[in-house]
Amino acid sequence: MNRKTGVAIFLAIFIELPIWIYLQFWVLSQLNPDRLIWFLFWVYVPTLFMTSILGKLMLGDKDD
């Protein structure tokens, strides 16, 4: 993993994703959805982190 990939992963995990998740959480909380929607949201959160990390790693490998 090179420096550019590491910076991209860091920015995605600690800046981009928390803002996106908070905005989605805020919209959902304003809509008062069912338990199923909340379940899907909380399943989506770790999935989003994992796919973001894997995507950045795979994209970084292709740049080398």
C-alpha atoms as a PDB file:
ATOM      1  CA  MET A   1       0.000   0.000   0.000  1.00  0.00           C
ATOM      2  CA  ASN A   2       1.521   3.284  -1.060  1.00  0.00           C
ATOM      3  CA  ARG A   3       1.134   6.677   0.618  1.00  0.00           C
ATOM      4  CA  LYS A   4      -1.574   7.902  -1.764  1.00  0.00           C
ATOM      5  CA  THR A   5      -3.763   4.870  -1.046  1.00  0.00           C
ATOM      6  CA  GLY A   6      -3.255   5.291   2.691  1.00  0.00           C
ATOM      7  CA  VAL A   7      -4.300   8.942   2.565  1.00  0.00           C
ATOM      8  CA  ALA A   8      -7.357   8.086   0.471  1.00  0.00           C
ATOM      9  CA  ILE A   9      -8.420   5.387   2.951  1.00  0.00           C
ATOM     10  CA  PHE A  10      -7.860   7.731   5.895  1.00  0.00           C
ATOM     11  CA  LEU A  11      -9.919  10.526   4.327  1.00  0.00           C
ATOM     12  CA  ALA A  12     -12.708   8.143   3.358  1.00  0.00           C
ATOM     13  CA  ILE A  13     -12.958   6.521   6.799  1.00  0.00           C
ATOM     14  CA  PHE A  14     -12.546   9.544   9.044  1.00  0.00           C
ATOM     15  CA  ILE A  15     -14.035  12.424   7.040  1.00  0.00           C
ATOM     16  CA  GLU A  16     -16.230  11.402   4.120  1.00  0.00           C
ATOM     17  CA  LEU A  17     -18.051   8.368   5.545  1.00  0.00           C
ATOM     18  CA  PRO A  18     -18.969   9.818   8.967  1.00  0.00           C
ATOM     19  CA  ILE A  19     -20.481  12.901   7.337  1.00  0.00           C
ATOM     20  CA  TRP A  20     -22.447  10.774   4.870  1.00  0.00           C
ATOM     21  CA  ILE A  21     -23.664   8.406   7.586  1.00  0.00           C
ATOM     22  CA  TYR A  22     -24.694  11.284   9.851  1.00  0.00           C
ATOM     23  CA  LEU A  23     -26.677  12.929   7.049  1.00  0.00           C
ATOM     24  CA  GLN A  24     -28.481   9.668   6.296  1.00  0.00           C
ATOM     25  CA  PHE A  25     -29.143   9.101  10.001  1.00  0.00           C
ATOM     26  CA  TRP A  26     -30.565  12.601  10.375  1.00  0.00           C
ATOM     27  CA  VAL A  27     -32.913  12.181   7.406  1.00  0.00           C
ATOM     28  CA  LEU A  28     -34.076   8.789   8.656  1.00  0.00           C
ATOM     29  CA  SER A  29     -34.692  10.086  12.160  1.00  0.00           C
ATOM     30  CA  GLN A  30     -36.836  12.901  10.729  1.00  0.00           C
ATOM     31  CA  LEU A  31     -38.968  10.398   8.794  1.00  0.00           C
ATOM     32  CA  ASN A  32     -39.628   8.032  11.748  1.00  0.00           C
ATOM     33  CA  PRO A  33     -39.208   4.816   9.720  1.00  0.00           C
ATOM     34  CA  ASP A  34     -40.045   1.215  10.624  1.00  0.00           C
ATOM     35  CA  ARG A  35     -37.646  -1.145  12.382  1.00  0.00           C
ATOM     36  CA  LEU A  36     -36.762  -2.750   9.052  1.00  0.00           C
ATOM     37  CA  ILE A  37     -35.405   0.526   7.689  1.00  0.00           C
ATOM     38  CA  TRP A  38     -33.334   1.052  10.832  1.00  0.00           C
ATOM     39  CA  PHE A  39     -32.046  -2.517  10.579  1.00  0.00           C
ATOM     40  CA  LEU A  40     -31.028  -1.965   6.959  1.00  0.00           C
ATOM     41  CA  PHE A  41     -29.341   1.310   7.885  1.00  0.00           C
ATOM     42  CA  TRP A  42     -27.245  -0.338  10.616  1.00  0.00           C
ATOM     43  CA  VAL A  43     -26.315  -3.201   8.282  1.00  0.00           C
ATOM     44  CA  TYR A  44     -25.358  -0.630   5.644  1.00  0.00           C
ATOM     45  CA  VAL A  45     -22.924   1.225   7.928  1.00  0.00           C
ATOM     46  CA  PRO A  46     -20.246  -1.505   8.326  1.00  0.00           C
ATOM     47  CA  THR A  47     -20.806  -2.642   4.750  1.00  0.00           C
ATOM     48  CA  LEU A  48     -20.070   0.891   3.564  1.00  0.00           C
ATOM     49  CA  PHE A  49     -16.822   1.007   5.534  1.00  0.00           C
ATOM     50  CA  MET A  50     -15.656  -2.382   4.270  1.00  0.00           C
ATOM     51  CA  THR A  51     -16.457  -1.706   0.610  1.00  0.00           C
ATOM     52  CA  SER A  52     -14.822   1.699   0.806  1.00  0.00           C
ATOM     53  CA  ILE A  53     -11.619   0.256   2.234  1.00  0.00           C
ATOM     54  CA  LEU A  54     -11.529  -2.630  -0.239  1.00  0.00           C
ATOM     55  CA  GLY A  55     -12.295  -0.333  -3.167  1.00  0.00           C
ATOM     56  CA  LYS A  56      -9.505   2.067  -2.242  1.00  0.00           C
ATOM     57  CA  LEU A  57      -7.050  -0.818  -1.759  1.00  0.00           C
ATOM     58  CA  MET A  58      -7.914  -2.357  -5.110  1.00  0.00           C
ATOM     59  CA  LEU A  59      -7.750   1.004  -6.844  1.00  0.00           C
ATOM     60  CA  GLY A  60      -4.380   1.692  -5.186  1.00  0.00           C
ATOM     61  CA  ASP A  61      -2.987  -1.643  -6.392  1.00  0.00           C
ATOM     62  CA  LYS A  62      -3.818  -0.761  -9.987  1.00  0.00           C
ATOM     63  CA  ASP A  63      -1.931   2.564  -9.741  1.00  0.00           C
ATOM     64  CA  ASP A  64       1.381   0.839  -8.934  1.00  0.00           C
END
